[in-house]
Structures are given as structure tokens and as C-alpha cells.
Amino acid sequence: MNALHLAAEEEIQNPLLPAIPEIIIGLIAFVIVFGFLAKKLLPNINKVLEERREAIEGGIEKADAAQTEAQSVLEQYKAQLAEARHEAARMRQEAQEQGSVILQEMRAEGQRQREEIVAAGHAQIEADRKAAASALRQDVGKLATDLAGKLVGESLEDHARQSGTVDRFLDELEAKAEAVR
């Protein structure tokens, strides 16, 4: 029993070191599993990693291309915006020039119309003055002949004579009035 007991104690004393046959079987199983994984699983993992790397690089290239395209579109937009601003400024300038031309034309037309109205007014005043002078001459002539007839005591109904006398009298009055001015 001592020998059995010693052998059992020896196994109990070294729990960290497994038995040699277990180590050999473990190594063979490890090599088989590692070989299987290296032959079957590792190429699939490498393939997936390569596809992922290509996708990432492709995405980066696409992003760079998109950024370049966006930059060119931005430059085109800025150029179009500058052109539109320039066109708007040109149109404003043209509108201001047209507005000033129209304003000048309207002022000239207003001045022309004013002058026409003033000329028509002067003509109307002159016509009214002549009509009033003619009516006044007739009325003054009639009153003068009536008054002279009453003073003289005889009738001065002869129209030609009456008209000549009245015209001569009024012409003398006008000549005196102009001499006073």
C-alpha cells in the first residue's frame, strides 16, 4: 500500500502538470483544429476583410469624388450668383435711366401742355377783350348819341354818322390812354 499511496501522493502533489498522454492528445487535437480553421475559415475571414477594405476605400474615393463634384457645383453656383447680381445691377441701372428719360419726357410734355393752355387762355382773353370792347363801343356809342341828342335837342339817329362820330371819339380816347402809359 505504500507504493500505491506514494503514487497517489505524487499525482496529488503536481496538479498543474497534466499527464504526458493528455498533453500529446491535446496537441494533436489543437493542430487538427488549427489546420482546419487555417484551411477553411481563415480564407473566408481574409476574403470578408478584403471586401470590407475595398468597400471602405471605394467609399472614400466616392466621397472624394462627391466632394470634388460638390466643390465644382458650388463654384458654378457662385459664378451664376455673381452673374445674376451683375445682371440685376445692370437692369436697375437701365430702369433708373429709363425712369429719368420718362420723367424728362413727362416734364417736357407738361411744359408744352402748360404753354398751350396759357396760349389758349391768352387767346381767349384777347377774344373776350375784343368782344367786350366791341360791345362797350356799341353801348357807349348808343349812350353817347342818346345823351348828345338830349343835349342838342335833336335826334342823332343817322346810323352812319353816329358810328363815325363814336368811332372817332373812342379812337381819340384810346390815343390819349396810350399816351399816358
C-alpha atoms as a PDB file:
ATOM      1  CA  MET A   1       0.000   0.000   0.000  1.00  0.00           C
ATOM      2  CA  ASN A   2       2.792   2.243   0.441  1.00  0.00           C
ATOM      3  CA  ALA A   3       3.620   2.245  -3.202  1.00  0.00           C
ATOM      4  CA  LEU A   4       0.110   2.957  -4.197  1.00  0.00           C
ATOM      5  CA  HIS A   5      -0.098   5.572  -1.672  1.00  0.00           C
ATOM      6  CA  LEU A   6       3.116   7.166  -2.827  1.00  0.00           C
ATOM      7  CA  ALA A   7       1.967   7.203  -6.439  1.00  0.00           C
ATOM      8  CA  ALA A   8      -1.311   8.828  -5.429  1.00  0.00           C
ATOM      9  CA  GLU A   9       0.527  11.391  -3.392  1.00  0.00           C
ATOM     10  CA  GLU A  10       2.814  12.165  -6.334  1.00  0.00           C
ATOM     11  CA  GLU A  11      -0.180  12.839  -8.578  1.00  0.00           C
ATOM     12  CA  ILE A  12      -1.807  14.988  -5.966  1.00  0.00           C
ATOM     13  CA  GLN A  13       1.382  16.930  -5.394  1.00  0.00           C
ATOM     14  CA  ASN A  14       1.636  18.239  -9.040  1.00  0.00           C
ATOM     15  CA  PRO A  15      -1.831  19.323 -10.107  1.00  0.00           C
ATOM     16  CA  LEU A  16      -0.545  21.840 -12.691  1.00  0.00           C
ATOM     17  CA  LEU A  17       1.336  19.368 -14.826  1.00  0.00           C
ATOM     18  CA  PRO A  18      -1.015  17.067 -16.719  1.00  0.00           C
ATOM     19  CA  ALA A  19      -0.131  13.549 -17.737  1.00  0.00           C
ATOM     20  CA  ILE A  20       2.017  13.131 -20.861  1.00  0.00           C
ATOM     21  CA  PRO A  21      -0.587  11.208 -22.877  1.00  0.00           C
ATOM     22  CA  GLU A  22      -3.104  14.018 -22.275  1.00  0.00           C
ATOM     23  CA  ILE A  23      -0.585  16.623 -23.489  1.00  0.00           C
ATOM     24  CA  ILE A  24       0.062  14.658 -26.713  1.00  0.00           C
ATOM     25  CA  ILE A  25      -3.655  14.136 -27.419  1.00  0.00           C
ATOM     26  CA  GLY A  26      -4.317  17.857 -26.687  1.00  0.00           C
ATOM     27  CA  LEU A  27      -1.521  18.934 -29.052  1.00  0.00           C
ATOM     28  CA  ILE A  28      -2.767  16.660 -31.856  1.00  0.00           C
ATOM     29  CA  ALA A  29      -6.342  17.941 -31.424  1.00  0.00           C
ATOM     30  CA  PHE A  30      -5.086  21.546 -31.371  1.00  0.00           C
ATOM     31  CA  VAL A  31      -3.075  21.048 -34.614  1.00  0.00           C
ATOM     32  CA  ILE A  32      -6.105  19.407 -36.284  1.00  0.00           C
ATOM     33  CA  VAL A  33      -8.474  22.212 -35.236  1.00  0.00           C
ATOM     34  CA  PHE A  34      -5.882  24.893 -36.124  1.00  0.00           C
ATOM     35  CA  GLY A  35      -5.248  23.320 -39.531  1.00  0.00           C
ATOM     36  CA  PHE A  36      -8.965  23.071 -40.215  1.00  0.00           C
ATOM     37  CA  LEU A  37      -9.511  26.706 -39.234  1.00  0.00           C
ATOM     38  CA  ALA A  38      -6.487  27.819 -41.258  1.00  0.00           C
ATOM     39  CA  LYS A  39      -7.683  25.959 -44.387  1.00  0.00           C
ATOM     40  CA  LYS A  40     -11.423  26.658 -44.210  1.00  0.00           C
ATOM     41  CA  LEU A  41     -12.172  29.653 -42.013  1.00  0.00           C
ATOM     42  CA  LEU A  42      -9.118  31.907 -42.464  1.00  0.00           C
ATOM     43  CA  PRO A  43      -9.593  32.367 -46.277  1.00  0.00           C
ATOM     44  CA  ASN A  44     -13.236  33.350 -45.703  1.00  0.00           C
ATOM     45  CA  ILE A  45     -12.211  35.812 -42.981  1.00  0.00           C
ATOM     46  CA  ASN A  46      -9.484  37.261 -45.239  1.00  0.00           C
ATOM     47  CA  LYS A  47     -11.967  37.492 -48.115  1.00  0.00           C
ATOM     48  CA  VAL A  48     -14.520  39.372 -45.971  1.00  0.00           C
ATOM     49  CA  LEU A  49     -11.806  41.684 -44.615  1.00  0.00           C
ATOM     50  CA  GLU A  50     -10.556  42.381 -48.164  1.00  0.00           C
ATOM     51  CA  GLU A  51     -14.097  43.161 -49.368  1.00  0.00           C
ATOM     52  CA  ARG A  52     -14.598  45.455 -46.405  1.00  0.00           C
ATOM     53  CA  ARG A  53     -11.301  47.222 -47.092  1.00  0.00           C
ATOM     54  CA  GLU A  54     -12.250  47.675 -50.765  1.00  0.00           C
ATOM     55  CA  ALA A  55     -15.682  48.957 -49.760  1.00  0.00           C
ATOM     56  CA  ILE A  56     -14.135  51.453 -47.358  1.00  0.00           C
ATOM     57  CA  GLU A  57     -11.579  52.592 -49.945  1.00  0.00           C
ATOM     58  CA  GLY A  58     -14.326  52.785 -52.587  1.00  0.00           C
ATOM     59  CA  GLY A  59     -16.457  54.785 -50.179  1.00  0.00           C
ATOM     60  CA  ILE A  60     -13.566  57.142 -49.536  1.00  0.00           C
ATOM     61  CA  GLU A  61     -12.977  57.511 -53.287  1.00  0.00           C
ATOM     62  CA  LYS A  62     -16.690  58.104 -53.848  1.00  0.00           C
ATOM     63  CA  ALA A  63     -16.730  60.652 -51.024  1.00  0.00           C
ATOM     64  CA  ASP A  64     -13.711  62.410 -52.536  1.00  0.00           C
ATOM     65  CA  ALA A  65     -15.389  62.387 -55.963  1.00  0.00           C
ATOM     66  CA  ALA A  66     -18.627  63.683 -54.447  1.00  0.00           C
ATOM     67  CA  GLN A  67     -16.730  66.379 -52.568  1.00  0.00           C
ATOM     68  CA  THR A  68     -14.922  67.411 -55.760  1.00  0.00           C
ATOM     69  CA  GLU A  69     -18.206  67.486 -57.642  1.00  0.00           C
ATOM     70  CA  ALA A  70     -19.862  69.456 -54.844  1.00  0.00           C
ATOM     71  CA  GLN A  71     -16.982  71.934 -54.909  1.00  0.00           C
ATOM     72  CA  SER A  72     -17.348  72.393 -58.683  1.00  0.00           C
ATOM     73  CA  VAL A  73     -21.130  72.807 -58.316  1.00  0.00           C
ATOM     74  CA  LEU A  74     -20.521  75.363 -55.559  1.00  0.00           C
ATOM     75  CA  GLU A  75     -18.137  77.294 -57.810  1.00  0.00           C
ATOM     76  CA  GLN A  76     -20.708  77.200 -60.630  1.00  0.00           C
ATOM     77  CA  TYR A  77     -23.380  78.381 -58.224  1.00  0.00           C
ATOM     78  CA  LYS A  78     -21.184  81.236 -57.029  1.00  0.00           C
ATOM     79  CA  ALA A  79     -20.420  82.208 -60.626  1.00  0.00           C
ATOM     80  CA  GLN A  80     -24.121  82.127 -61.534  1.00  0.00           C
ATOM     81  CA  LEU A  81     -24.972  84.124 -58.425  1.00  0.00           C
ATOM     82  CA  ALA A  82     -22.355  86.746 -59.275  1.00  0.00           C
ATOM     83  CA  GLU A  83     -23.657  86.884 -62.845  1.00  0.00           C
ATOM     84  CA  ALA A  84     -27.248  87.233 -61.606  1.00  0.00           C
ATOM     85  CA  ARG A  85     -26.221  90.052 -59.259  1.00  0.00           C
ATOM     86  CA  HIS A  86     -24.406  91.781 -62.098  1.00  0.00           C
ATOM     87  CA  GLU A  87     -27.449  91.366 -64.345  1.00  0.00           C
ATOM     88  CA  ALA A  88     -29.743  92.730 -61.606  1.00  0.00           C
ATOM     89  CA  ALA A  89     -27.472  95.751 -61.135  1.00  0.00           C
ATOM     90  CA  ARG A  90     -27.452  96.344 -64.886  1.00  0.00           C
ATOM     91  CA  MET A  91     -31.246  96.082 -65.024  1.00  0.00           C
ATOM     92  CA  ARG A  92     -31.596  98.506 -62.078  1.00  0.00           C
ATOM     93  CA  GLN A  93     -29.290 100.957 -63.841  1.00  0.00           C
ATOM     94  CA  GLU A  94     -31.304 100.663 -67.068  1.00  0.00           C
ATOM     95  CA  ALA A  95     -34.559 101.142 -65.152  1.00  0.00           C
ATOM     96  CA  GLN A  96     -33.180 104.262 -63.461  1.00  0.00           C
ATOM     97  CA  GLU A  97     -32.038 105.635 -66.805  1.00  0.00           C
ATOM     98  CA  GLN A  98     -35.395 104.844 -68.409  1.00  0.00           C
ATOM     99  CA  GLY A  99     -37.167 106.390 -65.438  1.00  0.00           C
ATOM    100  CA  SER A 100     -35.169 109.602 -65.746  1.00  0.00           C
ATOM    101  CA  VAL A 101     -35.824 109.719 -69.511  1.00  0.00           C
ATOM    102  CA  ILE A 102     -39.548 109.188 -68.942  1.00  0.00           C
ATOM    103  CA  LEU A 103     -39.526 111.839 -66.218  1.00  0.00           C
ATOM    104  CA  GLN A 104     -37.830 114.320 -68.539  1.00  0.00           C
ATOM    105  CA  GLU A 105     -40.306 113.498 -71.309  1.00  0.00           C
ATOM    106  CA  MET A 106     -43.234 113.958 -68.929  1.00  0.00           C
ATOM    107  CA  ARG A 107     -41.840 117.285 -67.724  1.00  0.00           C
ATOM    108  CA  ALA A 108     -41.367 118.433 -71.324  1.00  0.00           C
ATOM    109  CA  GLU A 109     -44.911 117.287 -72.184  1.00  0.00           C
ATOM    110  CA  GLY A 110     -46.269 119.054 -69.099  1.00  0.00           C
ATOM    111  CA  GLN A 111     -44.399 122.233 -70.024  1.00  0.00           C
ATOM    112  CA  ARG A 112     -45.729 122.008 -73.604  1.00  0.00           C
ATOM    113  CA  GLN A 113     -49.292 121.476 -72.356  1.00  0.00           C
ATOM    114  CA  ARG A 114     -48.921 124.368 -69.891  1.00  0.00           C
ATOM    115  CA  GLU A 115     -47.718 126.628 -72.667  1.00  0.00           C
ATOM    116  CA  GLU A 116     -50.635 125.532 -74.860  1.00  0.00           C
ATOM    117  CA  ILE A 117     -53.093 126.209 -72.048  1.00  0.00           C
ATOM    118  CA  VAL A 118     -51.519 129.614 -71.328  1.00  0.00           C
ATOM    119  CA  ALA A 119     -51.540 130.482 -75.053  1.00  0.00           C
ATOM    120  CA  ALA A 120     -55.163 129.344 -75.356  1.00  0.00           C
ATOM    121  CA  GLY A 121     -56.004 131.397 -72.256  1.00  0.00           C
ATOM    122  CA  HIS A 122     -54.302 134.472 -73.694  1.00  0.00           C
ATOM    123  CA  ALA A 123     -56.110 133.966 -76.985  1.00  0.00           C
ATOM    124  CA  GLN A 124     -59.425 133.562 -75.167  1.00  0.00           C
ATOM    125  CA  ILE A 125     -58.729 136.655 -73.059  1.00  0.00           C
ATOM    126  CA  GLU A 126     -57.839 138.621 -76.180  1.00  0.00           C
ATOM    127  CA  ALA A 127     -61.014 137.427 -77.936  1.00  0.00           C
ATOM    128  CA  ASP A 128     -63.081 138.265 -74.855  1.00  0.00           C
ATOM    129  CA  ARG A 129     -61.385 141.676 -74.624  1.00  0.00           C
ATOM    130  CA  LYS A 130     -62.155 142.410 -78.271  1.00  0.00           C
ATOM    131  CA  ALA A 131     -65.747 141.237 -77.852  1.00  0.00           C
ATOM    132  CA  ALA A 132     -66.103 143.332 -74.685  1.00  0.00           C
ATOM    133  CA  ALA A 133     -64.505 146.343 -76.406  1.00  0.00           C
ATOM    134  CA  SER A 134     -66.863 145.957 -79.358  1.00  0.00           C
ATOM    135  CA  ALA A 135     -69.891 145.625 -77.084  1.00  0.00           C
ATOM    136  CA  LEU A 136     -68.642 148.522 -74.993  1.00  0.00           C
ATOM    137  CA  ARG A 137     -68.163 150.650 -78.105  1.00  0.00           C
ATOM    138  CA  GLN A 138     -71.716 149.948 -79.172  1.00  0.00           C
ATOM    139  CA  ASP A 139     -73.115 150.619 -75.706  1.00  0.00           C
ATOM    140  CA  VAL A 140     -71.012 153.759 -75.219  1.00  0.00           C
ATOM    141  CA  GLY A 141     -71.927 154.924 -78.724  1.00  0.00           C
ATOM    142  CA  LYS A 142     -75.622 154.376 -78.074  1.00  0.00           C
ATOM    143  CA  LEU A 143     -75.441 156.147 -74.702  1.00  0.00           C
ATOM    144  CA  ALA A 144     -73.349 158.993 -76.138  1.00  0.00           C
ATOM    145  CA  THR A 145     -75.733 159.561 -79.037  1.00  0.00           C
ATOM    146  CA  ASP A 146     -78.734 159.462 -76.713  1.00  0.00           C
ATOM    147  CA  LEU A 147     -77.047 161.919 -74.365  1.00  0.00           C
ATOM    148  CA  ALA A 148     -75.901 164.150 -77.219  1.00  0.00           C
ATOM    149  CA  GLY A 149     -79.402 164.055 -78.703  1.00  0.00           C
ATOM    150  CA  LYS A 150     -80.874 165.161 -75.394  1.00  0.00           C
ATOM    151  CA  LEU A 151     -78.287 167.905 -75.034  1.00  0.00           C
ATOM    152  CA  VAL A 152     -78.634 169.192 -78.561  1.00  0.00           C
ATOM    153  CA  GLY A 153     -82.323 168.681 -78.617  1.00  0.00           C
ATOM    154  CA  GLU A 154     -82.456 166.840 -81.897  1.00  0.00           C
ATOM    155  CA  SER A 155     -82.270 163.214 -82.814  1.00  0.00           C
ATOM    156  CA  LEU A 156     -78.963 161.756 -83.963  1.00  0.00           C
ATOM    157  CA  GLU A 157     -80.469 158.605 -85.329  1.00  0.00           C
ATOM    158  CA  ASP A 158     -78.424 158.509 -88.521  1.00  0.00           C
ATOM    159  CA  HIS A 159     -76.502 155.322 -88.004  1.00  0.00           C
ATOM    160  CA  ALA A 160     -73.557 156.027 -90.323  1.00  0.00           C
ATOM    161  CA  ARG A 161     -72.996 159.412 -88.868  1.00  0.00           C
ATOM    162  CA  GLN A 162     -73.465 158.114 -85.364  1.00  0.00           C
ATOM    163  CA  SER A 163     -70.991 155.292 -85.915  1.00  0.00           C
ATOM    164  CA  GLY A 164     -68.362 157.616 -87.397  1.00  0.00           C
ATOM    165  CA  THR A 165     -68.662 160.083 -84.546  1.00  0.00           C
ATOM    166  CA  VAL A 166     -68.477 157.386 -81.880  1.00  0.00           C
ATOM    167  CA  ASP A 167     -65.509 155.657 -83.521  1.00  0.00           C
ATOM    168  CA  ARG A 168     -63.605 158.945 -83.850  1.00  0.00           C
ATOM    169  CA  PHE A 169     -64.338 159.771 -80.192  1.00  0.00           C
ATOM    170  CA  LEU A 170     -63.229 156.358 -78.918  1.00  0.00           C
ATOM    171  CA  ASP A 171     -60.084 156.421 -81.081  1.00  0.00           C
ATOM    172  CA  GLU A 172     -59.180 159.760 -79.524  1.00  0.00           C
ATOM    173  CA  LEU A 173     -59.744 158.300 -76.041  1.00  0.00           C
ATOM    174  CA  GLU A 174     -57.539 155.287 -76.819  1.00  0.00           C
ATOM    175  CA  ALA A 175     -54.799 157.529 -78.194  1.00  0.00           C
ATOM    176  CA  LYS A 176     -54.893 159.620 -75.007  1.00  0.00           C
ATOM    177  CA  ALA A 177     -54.812 156.449 -72.848  1.00  0.00           C
ATOM    178  CA  GLU A 178     -51.769 155.124 -74.708  1.00  0.00           C
ATOM    179  CA  ALA A 179     -50.009 158.476 -74.460  1.00  0.00           C
ATOM    180  CA  VAL A 180     -50.487 158.403 -70.682  1.00  0.00           C
ATOM    181  CA  ARG A 181     -48.881 154.939 -70.410  1.00  0.00           C
END
